[in-house]
Amino acid sequence: QVQLVESGGGLMQPGGSLRLSCAASGIIFGFNTMGWYRQAPGKERDLVATITTFGDTNYADSVKGRFTISRDNPKNTVNLQMNSLKPEDAAVYYCLLEQNNINYWGKGALVTVSS
C-alpha cells in the first residue's frame, strides 16, 4: 500500500504563488510517476503535471510556463511550484503516484485564488 499526504494549499491573490508538496510512504518501487491533478467544482479531475523517477515531465497546456513540478526521489516527495496564479487555477489538487499501472491518490489540498 501507498499513502500520500499533500500540504501547502491555501488562499492566494491572482498573480501570486503557492507551493504544494506531497510525501509518499509505504511500498514504493524504484520506478514510478508522481504528479498532480486538480478538480474544480462541477468539473472532472484533470492533469496538472507529472514527473517520472527519471525526471521526465508532462504539463497541462494551461499551466505551462507558470507551474513547475519537481521531486526528491530518496525522500519520495513531489512538489508543485505555482506562479502567476489565475482564478481558474482554483481547485482541489490531488497528489498521484502511479506504479505497476496502479494509481494511488492523496486526499487533496484546496487552492483558492481570489482577490
Protein backbone atom coordinates (compact mmCIF):
# COMPACT_ATOMS: atom_id res chain seq x y z
CA GLN A 1 0.00 0.00 0.00
CA VAL A 2 0.99 3.59 -0.63
CA GLN A 3 -0.06 6.62 1.34
CA LEU A 4 0.14 10.17 0.01
CA VAL A 5 -0.15 13.31 2.11
CA GLU A 6 -0.43 16.74 0.50
CA SER A 7 0.41 20.07 2.10
CA GLY A 8 0.71 23.70 1.12
CA GLY A 9 -2.69 24.66 -0.23
CA GLY A 10 -4.43 27.85 0.73
CA LEU A 11 -5.71 31.21 -0.42
CA MET A 12 -3.75 33.41 -2.79
CA GLN A 13 -4.49 36.50 -4.82
CA PRO A 14 -4.34 36.36 -8.62
CA GLY A 15 -0.76 36.73 -9.75
CA GLY A 16 0.59 35.22 -6.56
CA SER A 17 2.44 31.99 -5.88
CA LEU A 18 1.83 28.85 -3.89
CA ARG A 19 3.82 25.67 -3.41
CA LEU A 20 2.25 22.26 -2.96
CA SER A 21 4.13 19.30 -1.53
CA CYS A 22 3.28 15.64 -1.35
CA ALA A 23 5.02 12.93 0.65
CA ALA A 24 4.62 9.28 -0.24
CA SER A 25 5.12 6.38 2.14
CA GLY A 26 4.64 2.65 2.04
CA ILE A 27 5.80 0.19 -0.60
CA ILE A 28 7.30 2.34 -3.34
CA PHE A 29 9.08 0.83 -6.31
CA GLY A 30 12.19 2.16 -7.94
CA PHE A 31 10.35 3.44 -11.00
CA ASN A 32 7.13 5.38 -10.69
CA THR A 33 5.38 8.51 -11.80
CA MET A 34 4.29 11.17 -9.36
CA GLY A 35 2.25 14.18 -10.12
CA TRP A 36 -0.71 16.44 -9.59
CA TYR A 37 -4.26 16.52 -10.83
CA ARG A 38 -6.90 19.05 -9.96
CA GLN A 39 -10.65 19.13 -9.75
CA ALA A 40 -12.76 22.27 -9.69
CA PRO A 41 -16.38 22.17 -8.50
CA GLY A 42 -18.61 20.53 -11.09
CA LYS A 43 -15.69 19.53 -13.29
CA GLU A 44 -13.68 16.41 -13.92
CA ARG A 45 -10.30 15.72 -12.38
CA ASP A 46 -7.69 16.93 -14.86
CA LEU A 47 -3.97 16.56 -15.27
CA VAL A 48 -1.78 19.38 -14.00
CA ALA A 49 1.71 17.89 -14.21
CA THR A 50 3.57 14.63 -13.77
CA ILE A 51 7.19 13.64 -13.33
CA THR A 52 8.82 10.24 -13.57
CA THR A 53 11.60 8.84 -11.45
CA PHE A 54 13.97 9.82 -14.25
CA GLY A 55 12.74 13.40 -14.26
CA ASP A 56 10.63 13.33 -17.40
CA THR A 57 7.85 15.86 -17.03
CA ASN A 58 4.46 16.44 -18.58
CA TYR A 59 2.37 19.58 -18.11
CA ALA A 60 -1.14 20.59 -18.99
CA ASP A 61 -1.07 23.37 -21.58
CA SER A 62 -2.93 25.66 -19.20
CA VAL A 63 -0.08 25.67 -16.67
CA LYS A 64 3.00 25.55 -18.91
CA GLY A 65 5.39 28.36 -18.10
CA ARG A 66 3.69 29.07 -14.77
CA PHE A 67 3.90 25.82 -12.80
CA THR A 68 6.98 23.72 -12.13
CA ILE A 69 6.95 20.16 -10.87
CA SER A 70 9.92 18.62 -9.08
CA ARG A 71 10.63 15.57 -6.99
CA ASP A 72 13.09 14.20 -4.48
CA ASN A 73 13.48 10.51 -5.17
CA PRO A 74 15.20 9.45 -1.93
CA LYS A 75 12.51 11.23 0.09
CA ASN A 76 9.62 10.14 -2.18
CA THR A 77 8.28 13.66 -2.36
CA VAL A 78 6.89 15.71 -5.20
CA ASN A 79 6.40 19.46 -5.27
CA LEU A 80 4.42 21.83 -7.44
CA GLN A 81 5.52 25.44 -7.59
CA MET A 82 2.62 27.50 -8.86
CA ASN A 83 3.36 31.04 -10.04
CA SER A 84 1.21 33.68 -11.70
CA LEU A 85 -1.90 32.07 -10.30
CA LYS A 86 -5.19 32.72 -12.04
CA PRO A 87 -8.73 32.38 -10.70
CA GLU A 88 -9.21 29.38 -12.97
CA ASP A 89 -6.41 27.58 -11.11
CA ALA A 90 -8.65 27.31 -8.06
CA ALA A 91 -9.41 23.67 -7.35
CA VAL A 92 -8.69 20.76 -5.10
CA TYR A 93 -5.24 19.49 -6.05
CA TYR A 94 -4.64 15.76 -5.72
CA CYS A 95 -1.27 14.11 -5.49
CA LEU A 96 -0.77 10.99 -7.59
CA LEU A 97 1.70 8.15 -7.50
CA GLU A 98 1.47 5.58 -10.28
CA GLN A 99 3.43 2.34 -10.20
CA ASN A 100 2.77 -1.00 -11.85
CA ASN A 101 -0.29 0.53 -13.51
CA ILE A 102 -1.89 1.26 -10.15
CA ASN A 103 -2.81 4.83 -9.22
CA TYR A 104 -2.63 6.00 -5.64
CA TRP A 105 -4.20 9.30 -4.65
CA GLY A 106 -3.88 11.71 -1.80
CA LYS A 107 -6.89 13.26 -0.11
CA GLY A 108 -6.38 16.61 -1.81
CA ALA A 109 -5.29 20.14 -0.99
CA LEU A 110 -7.57 23.10 -1.60
CA VAL A 111 -6.20 26.01 -3.60
CA THR A 112 -8.28 29.17 -3.71
CA VAL A 113 -7.34 32.06 -5.98
CA SER A 114 -9.28 35.20 -5.24
CA SER A 115 -8.75 38.86 -4.58
